Each structure stands twice: as C-alpha cells, then as structure tokens.
PDB file of N, CA and C in Angstrom:
ATOM      1  N   MET A   1     132.549 -36.831 -28.563  1.00  0.00           N
ATOM      2  CA  MET A   1     133.273 -37.464 -29.636  1.00  0.00           C
ATOM      3  C   MET A   1     134.769 -37.249 -29.396  1.00  0.00           C
ATOM      4  N   ASN A   2     135.514 -38.294 -29.606  1.00  0.00           N
ATOM      5  CA  ASN A   2     136.960 -38.247 -29.456  1.00  0.00           C
ATOM      6  C   ASN A   2     137.578 -37.765 -30.771  1.00  0.00           C
ATOM      7  N   ILE A   3     138.329 -36.685 -30.703  1.00  0.00           N
ATOM      8  CA  ILE A   3     138.969 -36.123 -31.892  1.00  0.00           C
ATOM      9  C   ILE A   3     140.448 -36.487 -31.857  1.00  0.00           C
ATOM     10  N   ILE A   4     140.928 -37.049 -32.966  1.00  0.00           N
ATOM     11  CA  ILE A   4     142.320 -37.478 -33.053  1.00  0.00           C
ATOM     12  C   ILE A   4     143.001 -36.654 -34.143  1.00  0.00           C
ATOM     13  N   TYR A   5     144.007 -35.896 -33.744  1.00  0.00           N
ATOM     14  CA  TYR A   5     144.761 -35.068 -34.686  1.00  0.00           C
ATOM     15  C   TYR A   5     145.946 -35.877 -35.200  1.00  0.00           C
ATOM     16  N   THR A   6     146.044 -36.020 -36.499  1.00  0.00           N
ATOM     17  CA  THR A   6     147.126 -36.812 -37.082  1.00  0.00           C
ATOM     18  C   THR A   6     148.398 -35.977 -37.207  1.00  0.00           C
ATOM     19  N   LYS A   7     149.511 -36.646 -37.396  1.00  0.00           N
ATOM     20  CA  LYS A   7     150.785 -35.959 -37.613  1.00  0.00           C
ATOM     21  C   LYS A   7     150.730 -35.090 -38.857  1.00  0.00           C
ATOM     22  N   ASN A   8     150.062 -35.587 -39.878  1.00  0.00           N
ATOM     23  CA  ASN A   8     149.952 -34.824 -41.112  1.00  0.00           C
ATOM     24  C   ASN A   8     149.178 -33.523 -40.892  1.00  0.00           C
ATOM     25  N   TYR A   9     148.142 -33.570 -40.079  1.00  0.00           N
ATOM     26  CA  TYR A   9     147.402 -32.355 -39.751  1.00  0.00           C
ATOM     27  C   TYR A   9     148.315 -31.379 -39.000  1.00  0.00           C
ATOM     28  N   ASP A  10     149.070 -31.913 -38.036  1.00  0.00           N
ATOM     29  CA  ASP A  10     149.971 -31.054 -37.264  1.00  0.00           C
ATOM     30  C   ASP A  10     150.960 -30.325 -38.180  1.00  0.00           C
ATOM     31  N   LYS A  11     151.401 -30.998 -39.226  1.00  0.00           N
ATOM     32  CA  LYS A  11     152.313 -30.366 -40.185  1.00  0.00           C
ATOM     33  C   LYS A  11     151.570 -29.370 -41.074  1.00  0.00           C
ATOM     34  N   SER A  12     150.389 -29.739 -41.499  1.00  0.00           N
ATOM     35  CA  SER A  12     149.660 -28.902 -42.448  1.00  0.00           C
ATOM     36  C   SER A  12     149.109 -27.626 -41.823  1.00  0.00           C
ATOM     37  N   ILE A  13     148.904 -27.618 -40.518  1.00  0.00           N
ATOM     38  CA  ILE A  13     148.382 -26.420 -39.858  1.00  0.00           C
ATOM     39  C   ILE A  13     149.346 -25.241 -40.036  1.00  0.00           C
ATOM     40  N   LYS A  14     150.613 -25.534 -40.195  1.00  0.00           N
ATOM     41  CA  LYS A  14     151.620 -24.488 -40.391  1.00  0.00           C
ATOM     42  C   LYS A  14     151.427 -23.761 -41.714  1.00  0.00           C
ATOM     43  N   LYS A  15     150.777 -24.407 -42.679  1.00  0.00           N
ATOM     44  CA  LYS A  15     150.526 -23.780 -43.976  1.00  0.00           C
ATOM     45  C   LYS A  15     149.590 -22.581 -43.861  1.00  0.00           C
ATOM     46  N   LEU A  16     148.805 -22.544 -42.797  1.00  0.00           N
ATOM     47  CA  LEU A  16     147.836 -21.464 -42.619  1.00  0.00           C
ATOM     48  C   LEU A  16     148.421 -20.238 -41.923  1.00  0.00           C
ATOM     49  N   LYS A  17     149.713 -20.196 -41.770  1.00  0.00           N
ATOM     50  CA  LYS A  17     150.376 -19.119 -41.032  1.00  0.00           C
ATOM     51  C   LYS A  17     149.896 -17.728 -41.459  1.00  0.00           C
ATOM     52  N   ASN A  18     149.826 -17.479 -42.737  1.00  0.00           N
ATOM     53  CA  ASN A  18     149.447 -16.159 -43.240  1.00  0.00           C
ATOM     54  C   ASN A  18     148.001 -16.076 -43.717  1.00  0.00           C
ATOM     55  N   TYR A  19     147.207 -17.060 -43.385  1.00  0.00           N
ATOM     56  CA  TYR A  19     145.801 -17.110 -43.786  1.00  0.00           C
ATOM     57  C   TYR A  19     144.915 -16.890 -42.553  1.00  0.00           C
ATOM     58  N   HIS A  20     144.773 -15.638 -42.161  1.00  0.00           N
ATOM     59  CA  HIS A  20     144.086 -15.329 -40.901  1.00  0.00           C
ATOM     60  C   HIS A  20     142.598 -15.661 -40.935  1.00  0.00           C
ATOM     61  N   LYS A  21     141.926 -15.336 -42.011  1.00  0.00           N
ATOM     62  CA  LYS A  21     140.494 -15.633 -42.121  1.00  0.00           C
ATOM     63  C   LYS A  21     140.248 -17.139 -42.092  1.00  0.00           C
ATOM     64  N   GLU A  22     141.114 -17.899 -42.773  1.00  0.00           N
ATOM     65  CA  GLU A  22     140.979 -19.351 -42.808  1.00  0.00           C
ATOM     66  C   GLU A  22     141.272 -19.971 -41.451  1.00  0.00           C
ATOM     67  N   LYS A  23     142.231 -19.395 -40.715  1.00  0.00           N
ATOM     68  CA  LYS A  23     142.522 -19.889 -39.365  1.00  0.00           C
ATOM     69  C   LYS A  23     141.324 -19.671 -38.442  1.00  0.00           C
ATOM     70  N   GLU A  24     140.667 -18.532 -38.591  1.00  0.00           N
ATOM     71  CA  GLU A  24     139.472 -18.268 -37.790  1.00  0.00           C
ATOM     72  C   GLU A  24     138.365 -19.263 -38.130  1.00  0.00           C
ATOM     73  N   GLU A  25     138.192 -19.526 -39.420  1.00  0.00           N
ATOM     74  CA  GLU A  25     137.174 -20.494 -39.853  1.00  0.00           C
ATOM     75  C   GLU A  25     137.506 -21.889 -39.322  1.00  0.00           C
ATOM     76  N   LEU A  26     138.780 -22.253 -39.335  1.00  0.00           N
ATOM     77  CA  LEU A  26     139.210 -23.544 -38.802  1.00  0.00           C
ATOM     78  C   LEU A  26     138.839 -23.665 -37.331  1.00  0.00           C
ATOM     79  N   GLU A  27     139.081 -22.642 -36.560  1.00  0.00           N
ATOM     80  CA  GLU A  27     138.746 -22.684 -35.131  1.00  0.00           C
ATOM     81  C   GLU A  27     137.238 -22.823 -34.914  1.00  0.00           C
ATOM     82  N   LEU A  28     136.447 -22.125 -35.719  1.00  0.00           N
ATOM     83  CA  LEU A  28     134.990 -22.260 -35.620  1.00  0.00           C
ATOM     84  C   LEU A  28     134.555 -23.696 -35.912  1.00  0.00           C
ATOM     85  N   ILE A  29     135.141 -24.281 -36.951  1.00  0.00           N
ATOM     86  CA  ILE A  29     134.793 -25.651 -37.331  1.00  0.00           C
ATOM     87  C   ILE A  29     135.219 -26.639 -36.254  1.00  0.00           C
ATOM     88  N   LEU A  30     136.428 -26.481 -35.727  1.00  0.00           N
ATOM     89  CA  LEU A  30     136.895 -27.388 -34.678  1.00  0.00           C
ATOM     90  C   LEU A  30     136.028 -27.270 -33.426  1.00  0.00           C
ATOM     91  N   ASP A  31     135.603 -26.057 -33.073  1.00  0.00           N
ATOM     92  CA  ASP A  31     134.687 -25.888 -31.935  1.00  0.00           C
ATOM     93  C   ASP A  31     133.354 -26.570 -32.210  1.00  0.00           C
ATOM     94  N   TYR A  32     132.886 -26.430 -33.431  1.00  0.00           N
ATOM     95  CA  TYR A  32     131.626 -27.080 -33.828  1.00  0.00           C
ATOM     96  C   TYR A  32     131.750 -28.597 -33.671  1.00  0.00           C
ATOM     97  N   ILE A  33     132.852 -29.163 -34.150  1.00  0.00           N
ATOM     98  CA  ILE A  33     133.069 -30.613 -34.057  1.00  0.00           C
ATOM     99  C   ILE A  33     133.160 -31.057 -32.600  1.00  0.00           C
ATOM    100  N   ARG A  34     133.869 -30.304 -31.790  1.00  0.00           N
ATOM    101  CA  ARG A  34     134.047 -30.662 -30.377  1.00  0.00           C
ATOM    102  C   ARG A  34     132.720 -30.724 -29.625  1.00  0.00           C
ATOM    103  N   ASN A  35     131.738 -29.963 -30.074  1.00  0.00           N
ATOM    104  CA  ASN A  35     130.449 -29.926 -29.396  1.00  0.00           C
ATOM    105  C   ASN A  35     129.490 -31.025 -29.841  1.00  0.00           C
ATOM    106  N   LYS A  36     129.939 -31.902 -30.712  1.00  0.00           N
ATOM    107  CA  LYS A  36     129.104 -33.004 -31.183  1.00  0.00           C
ATOM    108  C   LYS A  36     129.484 -34.288 -30.464  1.00  0.00           C
ATOM    109  N   ASN A  37     128.502 -35.163 -30.258  1.00  0.00           N
ATOM    110  CA  ASN A  37     128.736 -36.428 -29.568  1.00  0.00           C
ATOM    111  C   ASN A  37     129.114 -37.557 -30.509  1.00  0.00           C
ATOM    112  N   SER A  38     128.744 -37.417 -31.785  1.00  0.00           N
ATOM    113  CA  SER A  38     129.057 -38.460 -32.751  1.00  0.00           C
ATOM    114  C   SER A  38     129.149 -37.856 -34.147  1.00  0.00           C
ATOM    115  N   PHE A  39     129.748 -38.602 -35.037  1.00  0.00           N
ATOM    116  CA  PHE A  39     129.875 -38.150 -36.415  1.00  0.00           C
ATOM    117  C   PHE A  39     128.506 -38.062 -37.091  1.00  0.00           C
ATOM    118  N   ILE A  40     127.611 -38.948 -36.736  1.00  0.00           N
ATOM    119  CA  ILE A  40     126.250 -38.930 -37.307  1.00  0.00           C
ATOM    120  C   ILE A  40     125.562 -37.595 -37.009  1.00  0.00           C
ATOM    121  N   GLU A  41     125.834 -37.023 -35.856  1.00  0.00           N
ATOM    122  CA  GLU A  41     125.265 -35.717 -35.522  1.00  0.00           C
ATOM    123  C   GLU A  41     125.727 -34.658 -36.519  1.00  0.00           C
ATOM    124  N   ILE A  42     126.994 -34.721 -36.912  1.00  0.00           N
ATOM    125  CA  ILE A  42     127.526 -33.767 -37.892  1.00  0.00           C
ATOM    126  C   ILE A  42     126.844 -33.972 -39.242  1.00  0.00           C
ATOM    127  N   VAL A  43     126.739 -35.224 -39.656  1.00  0.00           N
ATOM    128  CA  VAL A  43     126.130 -35.546 -40.953  1.00  0.00           C
ATOM    129  C   VAL A  43     124.681 -35.066 -41.003  1.00  0.00           C
ATOM    130  N   ASN A  44     123.944 -35.233 -39.926  1.00  0.00           N
ATOM    131  CA  ASN A  44     122.517 -34.906 -39.906  1.00  0.00           C
ATOM    132  C   ASN A  44     122.204 -33.466 -39.519  1.00  0.00           C
ATOM    133  N   ASP A  45     123.184 -32.719 -39.094  1.00  0.00           N
ATOM    134  CA  ASP A  45     122.968 -31.344 -38.643  1.00  0.00           C
ATOM    135  C   ASP A  45     123.035 -30.385 -39.839  1.00  0.00           C
ATOM    136  N   PRO A  46     121.974 -29.648 -40.118  1.00  0.00           N
ATOM    137  CA  PRO A  46     121.994 -28.712 -41.246  1.00  0.00           C
ATOM    138  C   PRO A  46     123.044 -27.609 -41.088  1.00  0.00           C
ATOM    139  N   VAL A  47     123.455 -27.321 -39.861  1.00  0.00           N
ATOM    140  CA  VAL A  47     124.473 -26.304 -39.630  1.00  0.00           C
ATOM    141  C   VAL A  47     125.811 -26.706 -40.268  1.00  0.00           C
ATOM    142  N   SER A  48     126.076 -27.996 -40.354  1.00  0.00           N
ATOM    143  CA  SER A  48     127.347 -28.442 -40.946  1.00  0.00           C
ATOM    144  C   SER A  48     127.465 -27.983 -42.399  1.00  0.00           C
ATOM    145  N   LYS A  49     126.338 -27.813 -43.079  1.00  0.00           N
ATOM    146  CA  LYS A  49     126.367 -27.332 -44.470  1.00  0.00           C
ATOM    147  C   LYS A  49     126.864 -25.893 -44.554  1.00  0.00           C
ATOM    148  N   ILE A  50     126.650 -25.126 -43.507  1.00  0.00           N
ATOM    149  CA  ILE A  50     127.164 -23.750 -43.467  1.00  0.00           C
ATOM    150  C   ILE A  50     128.688 -23.750 -43.550  1.00  0.00           C
ATOM    151  N   TYR A  51     129.303 -24.770 -42.980  1.00  0.00           N
ATOM    152  CA  TYR A  51     130.757 -24.906 -43.003  1.00  0.00           C
ATOM    153  C   TYR A  51     131.247 -25.637 -44.249  1.00  0.00           C
ATOM    154  N   GLY A  52     130.370 -25.856 -45.210  1.00  0.00           N
ATOM    155  CA  GLY A  52     130.766 -26.520 -46.450  1.00  0.00           C
ATOM    156  C   GLY A  52     131.096 -27.981 -46.272  1.00  0.00           C
ATOM    157  N   PHE A  53     130.461 -28.618 -45.317  1.00  0.00           N
ATOM    158  CA  PHE A  53     130.712 -30.027 -45.032  1.00  0.00           C
ATOM    159  C   PHE A  53     130.209 -30.884 -46.180  1.00  0.00           C
ATOM    160  N   GLU A  54     131.062 -31.789 -46.668  1.00  0.00           N
ATOM    161  CA  GLU A  54     130.650 -32.700 -47.731  1.00  0.00           C
ATOM    162  C   GLU A  54     131.547 -33.934 -47.757  1.00  0.00           C
ATOM    163  N   ARG A  55     130.998 -34.987 -48.322  1.00  0.00           N
ATOM    164  CA  ARG A  55     131.752 -36.226 -48.504  1.00  0.00           C
ATOM    165  C   ARG A  55     132.576 -36.092 -49.779  1.00  0.00           C
ATOM    166  N   LEU A  56     133.815 -36.576 -49.731  1.00  0.00           N
ATOM    167  CA  LEU A  56     134.660 -36.534 -50.920  1.00  0.00           C
ATOM    168  C   LEU A  56     134.261 -37.642 -51.887  1.00  0.00           C
ATOM    169  N   LYS A  57     134.719 -37.521 -53.102  1.00  0.00           N
ATOM    170  CA  LYS A  57     134.335 -38.473 -54.150  1.00  0.00           C
ATOM    171  C   LYS A  57     135.523 -39.329 -54.569  1.00  0.00           C
ATOM    172  N   HIS A  58     135.214 -40.315 -55.359  1.00  0.00           N
ATOM    173  CA  HIS A  58     136.183 -41.202 -56.000  1.00  0.00           C
ATOM    174  C   HIS A  58     137.032 -41.936 -54.972  1.00  0.00           C
ATOM    175  N   GLN A  59     138.356 -41.889 -55.121  1.00  0.00           N
ATOM    176  CA  GLN A  59     139.219 -42.670 -54.234  1.00  0.00           C
ATOM    177  C   GLN A  59     139.214 -42.161 -52.793  1.00  0.00           C
ATOM    178  N   TRP A  60     138.648 -40.996 -52.554  1.00  0.00           N
ATOM    179  CA  TRP A  60     138.606 -40.436 -51.204  1.00  0.00           C
ATOM    180  C   TRP A  60     137.212 -40.499 -50.593  1.00  0.00           C
ATOM    181  N   ASN A  61     136.369 -41.408 -51.032  1.00  0.00           N
ATOM    182  CA  ASN A  61     134.984 -41.408 -50.577  1.00  0.00           C
ATOM    183  C   ASN A  61     134.796 -41.807 -49.105  1.00  0.00           C
ATOM    184  N   MET A  62     135.843 -42.182 -48.414  1.00  0.00           N
ATOM    185  CA  MET A  62     135.752 -42.463 -46.975  1.00  0.00           C
ATOM    186  C   MET A  62     136.051 -41.211 -46.147  1.00  0.00           C
ATOM    187  N   TYR A  63     136.342 -40.114 -46.826  1.00  0.00           N
ATOM    188  CA  TYR A  63     136.743 -38.876 -46.176  1.00  0.00           C
ATOM    189  C   TYR A  63     135.701 -37.795 -46.411  1.00  0.00           C
ATOM    190  N   TYR A  64     135.739 -36.789 -45.543  1.00  0.00           N
ATOM    191  CA  TYR A  64     134.832 -35.651 -45.621  1.00  0.00           C
ATOM    192  C   TYR A  64     135.666 -34.387 -45.512  1.00  0.00           C
ATOM    193  N   SER A  65     135.076 -33.279 -45.936  1.00  0.00           N
ATOM    194  CA  SER A  65     135.811 -32.018 -45.820  1.00  0.00           C
ATOM    195  C   SER A  65     134.899 -30.915 -45.310  1.00  0.00           C
ATOM    196  N   PHE A  66     135.543 -29.927 -44.707  1.00  0.00           N
ATOM    197  CA  PHE A  66     134.915 -28.674 -44.326  1.00  0.00           C
ATOM    198  C   PHE A  66     135.640 -27.578 -45.103  1.00  0.00           C
ATOM    199  N   ARG A  67     134.909 -26.596 -45.567  1.00  0.00           N
ATOM    200  CA  ARG A  67     135.481 -25.527 -46.377  1.00  0.00           C
ATOM    201  C   ARG A  67     136.037 -24.409 -45.486  1.00  0.00           C
ATOM    202  N   LEU A  68     137.327 -24.121 -45.652  1.00  0.00           N
ATOM    203  CA  LEU A  68     137.938 -22.982 -44.969  1.00  0.00           C
ATOM    204  C   LEU A  68     137.943 -21.755 -45.873  1.00  0.00           C
ATOM    205  N   SER A  69     137.999 -21.985 -47.184  1.00  0.00           N
ATOM    206  CA  SER A  69     137.914 -20.929 -48.203  1.00  0.00           C
ATOM    207  C   SER A  69     137.474 -21.591 -49.501  1.00  0.00           C
ATOM    208  N   LYS A  70     137.527 -20.846 -50.597  1.00  0.00           N
ATOM    209  CA  LYS A  70     137.124 -21.429 -51.882  1.00  0.00           C
ATOM    210  C   LYS A  70     137.941 -22.661 -52.233  1.00  0.00           C
ATOM    211  N   VAL A  71     139.218 -22.682 -51.882  1.00  0.00           N
ATOM    212  CA  VAL A  71     140.076 -23.819 -52.251  1.00  0.00           C
ATOM    213  C   VAL A  71     140.671 -24.571 -51.068  1.00  0.00           C
ATOM    214  N   ILE A  72     140.705 -23.981 -49.898  1.00  0.00           N
ATOM    215  CA  ILE A  72     141.335 -24.611 -48.736  1.00  0.00           C
ATOM    216  C   ILE A  72     140.290 -25.420 -47.970  1.00  0.00           C
ATOM    217  N   ARG A  73     140.633 -26.696 -47.696  1.00  0.00           N
ATOM    218  CA  ARG A  73     139.702 -27.612 -47.048  1.00  0.00           C
ATOM    219  C   ARG A  73     140.339 -28.325 -45.859  1.00  0.00           C
ATOM    220  N   LEU A  74     139.545 -28.560 -44.828  1.00  0.00           N
ATOM    221  CA  LEU A  74     139.933 -29.407 -43.702  1.00  0.00           C
ATOM    222  C   LEU A  74     139.410 -30.801 -44.002  1.00  0.00           C
ATOM    223  N   ILE A  75     140.295 -31.799 -44.004  1.00  0.00           N
ATOM    224  CA  ILE A  75     139.933 -33.171 -44.336  1.00  0.00           C
ATOM    225  C   ILE A  75     139.807 -33.989 -43.047  1.00  0.00           C
ATOM    226  N   VAL A  76     138.691 -34.691 -42.915  1.00  0.00           N
ATOM    227  CA  VAL A  76     138.434 -35.515 -41.735  1.00  0.00           C
ATOM    228  C   VAL A  76     137.962 -36.897 -42.177  1.00  0.00           C
ATOM    229  N   ARG A  77     138.061 -37.842 -41.230  1.00  0.00           N
ATOM    230  CA  ARG A  77     137.554 -39.191 -41.499  1.00  0.00           C
ATOM    231  C   ARG A  77     137.016 -39.790 -40.203  1.00  0.00           C
ATOM    232  N   PRO A  78     135.779 -40.261 -40.234  1.00  0.00           N
ATOM    233  CA  PRO A  78     135.242 -40.903 -39.028  1.00  0.00           C
ATOM    234  C   PRO A  78     135.837 -42.289 -38.857  1.00  0.00           C
ATOM    235  N   LYS A  79     135.983 -42.688 -37.637  1.00  0.00           N
ATOM    236  CA  LYS A  79     136.390 -44.056 -37.314  1.00  0.00           C
ATOM    237  C   LYS A  79     135.130 -44.914 -37.353  1.00  0.00           C
ATOM    238  N   ASN A  80     135.284 -46.184 -37.569  1.00  0.00           N
ATOM    239  CA  ASN A  80     134.148 -47.087 -37.724  1.00  0.00           C
ATOM    240  C   ASN A  80     133.137 -47.010 -36.588  1.00  0.00           C
ATOM    241  N   ASN A  81     133.582 -46.702 -35.391  1.00  0.00           N
ATOM    242  CA  ASN A  81     132.655 -46.688 -34.257  1.00  0.00           C
ATOM    243  C   ASN A  81     131.855 -45.385 -34.147  1.00  0.00           C
ATOM    244  N   ASP A  82     132.087 -44.422 -35.045  1.00  0.00           N
ATOM    245  CA  ASP A  82     131.303 -43.195 -35.153  1.00  0.00           C
ATOM    246  C   ASP A  82     131.493 -42.216 -33.997  1.00  0.00           C
ATOM    247  N   ILE A  83     132.275 -42.566 -32.999  1.00  0.00           N
ATOM    248  CA  ILE A  83     132.508 -41.613 -31.916  1.00  0.00           C
ATOM    249  C   ILE A  83     133.945 -41.110 -31.908  1.00  0.00           C
ATOM    250  N   GLU A  84     134.702 -41.484 -32.921  1.00  0.00           N
ATOM    251  CA  GLU A  84     136.055 -40.968 -33.098  1.00  0.00           C
ATOM    252  C   GLU A  84     136.142 -40.322 -34.468  1.00  0.00           C
ATOM    253  N   LEU A  85     136.838 -39.206 -34.518  1.00  0.00           N
ATOM    254  CA  LEU A  85     137.008 -38.505 -35.778  1.00  0.00           C
ATOM    255  C   LEU A  85     138.469 -38.127 -35.939  1.00  0.00           C
ATOM    256  N   PHE A  86     139.061 -38.570 -37.040  1.00  0.00           N
ATOM    257  CA  PHE A  86     140.432 -38.211 -37.357  1.00  0.00           C
ATOM    258  C   PHE A  86     140.438 -36.897 -38.125  1.00  0.00           C
ATOM    259  N   ILE A  87     141.237 -35.958 -37.644  1.00  0.00           N
ATOM    260  CA  ILE A  87     141.483 -34.723 -38.378  1.00  0.00           C
ATOM    261  C   ILE A  87     142.738 -35.011 -39.201  1.00  0.00           C
ATOM    262  N   ILE A  88     142.569 -35.199 -40.496  1.00  0.00           N
ATOM    263  CA  ILE A  88     143.607 -35.753 -41.351  1.00  0.00           C
ATOM    264  C   ILE A  88     144.575 -34.709 -41.889  1.00  0.00           C
ATOM    265  N   ASP A  89     144.057 -33.648 -42.513  1.00  0.00           N
ATOM    266  CA  ASP A  89     144.926 -32.757 -43.273  1.00  0.00           C
ATOM    267  C   ASP A  89     144.204 -31.461 -43.591  1.00  0.00           C
ATOM    268  N   ILE A  90     144.986 -30.476 -44.024  1.00  0.00           N
ATOM    269  CA  ILE A  90     144.432 -29.262 -44.605  1.00  0.00           C
ATOM    270  C   ILE A  90     144.928 -29.219 -46.037  1.00  0.00           C
ATOM    271  N   SER A  91     143.996 -29.292 -46.966  1.00  0.00           N
ATOM    272  CA  SER A  91     144.343 -29.246 -48.384  1.00  0.00           C
ATOM    273  C   SER A  91     144.319 -27.792 -48.833  1.00  0.00           C
ATOM    274  N   MET A  92     145.438 -27.319 -49.352  1.00  0.00           N
ATOM    275  CA  MET A  92     145.573 -25.918 -49.759  1.00  0.00           C
ATOM    276  C   MET A  92     145.168 -25.701 -51.216  1.00  0.00           C
ATOM    277  N   LYS A  93     145.026 -26.777 -51.982  1.00  0.00           N
ATOM    278  CA  LYS A  93     144.759 -26.646 -53.413  1.00  0.00           C
ATOM    279  C   LYS A  93     143.539 -27.451 -53.838  1.00  0.00           C
ATOM    280  N   HIS A  94     142.482 -27.371 -53.069  1.00  0.00           N
ATOM    281  CA  HIS A  94     141.236 -28.053 -53.388  1.00  0.00           C
ATOM    282  C   HIS A  94     141.472 -29.516 -53.755  1.00  0.00           C
ATOM    283  N   TYR A  95     142.168 -30.223 -52.884  1.00  0.00           N
ATOM    284  CA  TYR A  95     142.442 -31.665 -52.948  1.00  0.00           C
ATOM    285  C   TYR A  95     143.586 -32.047 -53.887  1.00  0.00           C
ATOM    286  N   GLU A  96     144.095 -31.141 -54.699  1.00  0.00           N
ATOM    287  CA  GLU A  96     145.183 -31.496 -55.607  1.00  0.00           C
ATOM    288  C   GLU A  96     146.452 -31.883 -54.859  1.00  0.00           C
ATOM    289  N   ASP A  97     146.644 -31.356 -53.666  1.00  0.00           N
ATOM    290  CA  ASP A  97     147.832 -31.644 -52.869  1.00  0.00           C
ATOM    291  C   ASP A  97     147.574 -32.706 -51.800  1.00  0.00           C
ATOM    292  N   LEU A  98     146.437 -33.340 -51.867  1.00  0.00           N
ATOM    293  CA  LEU A  98     146.037 -34.290 -50.834  1.00  0.00           C
ATOM    294  C   LEU A  98     146.714 -35.640 -51.028  1.00  0.00           C
ATOM    295  N   ILE A  99     147.478 -36.033 -50.015  1.00  0.00           N
ATOM    296  CA  ILE A  99     148.110 -37.354 -49.985  1.00  0.00           C
ATOM    297  C   ILE A  99     147.710 -37.983 -48.659  1.00  0.00           C
ATOM    298  N   ILE A 100     146.995 -39.076 -48.744  1.00  0.00           N
ATOM    299  CA  ILE A 100     146.521 -39.732 -47.530  1.00  0.00           C
ATOM    300  C   ILE A 100     147.239 -41.055 -47.384  1.00  0.00           C
ATOM    301  N   LYS A 101     147.851 -41.238 -46.243  1.00  0.00           N
ATOM    302  CA  LYS A 101     148.528 -42.488 -45.947  1.00  0.00           C
ATOM    303  C   LYS A 101     147.794 -43.204 -44.833  1.00  0.00           C
ATOM    304  N   GLU A 102     147.689 -44.504 -44.961  1.00  0.00           N
ATOM    305  CA  GLU A 102     146.948 -45.288 -43.978  1.00  0.00           C
ATOM    306  C   GLU A 102     147.474 -45.110 -42.559  1.00  0.00           C
ATOM    307  N   ASP A 103     148.782 -44.951 -42.416  1.00  0.00           N
ATOM    308  CA  ASP A 103     149.339 -44.865 -41.060  1.00  0.00           C
ATOM    309  C   ASP A 103     149.017 -43.538 -40.370  1.00  0.00           C
ATOM    310  N   TYR A 104     148.460 -42.570 -41.084  1.00  0.00           N
ATOM    311  CA  TYR A 104     148.086 -41.305 -40.452  1.00  0.00           C
ATOM    312  C   TYR A 104     146.992 -41.486 -39.426  1.00  0.00           C
ATOM    313  N   TYR A 105     146.155 -42.461 -39.614  1.00  0.00           N
ATOM    314  CA  TYR A 105     145.037 -42.608 -38.694  1.00  0.00           C
ATOM    315  C   TYR A 105     144.945 -44.004 -38.093  1.00  0.00           C
ATOM    316  N   GLY A 106     146.049 -44.707 -38.051  1.00  0.00           N
ATOM    317  CA  GLY A 106     146.139 -45.924 -37.277  1.00  0.00           C
ATOM    318  C   GLY A 106     145.411 -47.132 -37.793  1.00  0.00           C
ATOM    319  N   GLU A 107     145.140 -47.193 -39.099  1.00  0.00           N
ATOM    320  CA  GLU A 107     144.448 -48.368 -39.629  1.00  0.00           C
ATOM    321  C   GLU A 107     145.304 -49.060 -40.663  1.00  0.00           C
TER     322      GLU A 107
END
C-alpha cells in the first residue's frame, strides 16, 4: 500500500514532541499500516481494533482514526483505489481541533 503523508500531518507530528508514549504508539501503528497491502486488509483485520481503529462520523465519515491515547488520534483517509492511504493529521483534542482541507490529499 502506498502511504502519502500530507503537509498537515508533517506539521502536526511536532505536537507530539513531549508525548513519548503516544509517539511510540504512532510508530507501532505506522509499521502496522506499512505491512498491509490494501486498506481493506486494515478494515478486515481484527488487530486494527487493538489500535482503536474506527470510522469517523458525521461530516468526517470518509475518514478513519487510530487511537494514540484517550484523546489523541491519527487521522487517515483511503484513496478511492484502496491501495493508497493518506495520513492526514494528528488530532490532539479528540477531533475538536480537526480541520480538513481538500488540498491536503490532492482531491
């Protein structure tokens, strides 16, 4: 699977500077994602639930998240072809700080 890191993700990763446990969890999740061939594999793999993988609701229903802590989430979005995954953002306030712009992922 091709993983595409957005500019917003590159900026948001700096927020985890003093969150060592969350940074470790992020690396575990990214390694897990890298070892998958498609997004469908993540959706169907029961191990993804261990990482708190879930689909977002309401206006963000095209996005998914992985849990880094009780409130910190990694936001991702699959591309239509299912073999590309955009790493969108890290939400520090359980989605309250989440701003998604279309140009972050090239659509």
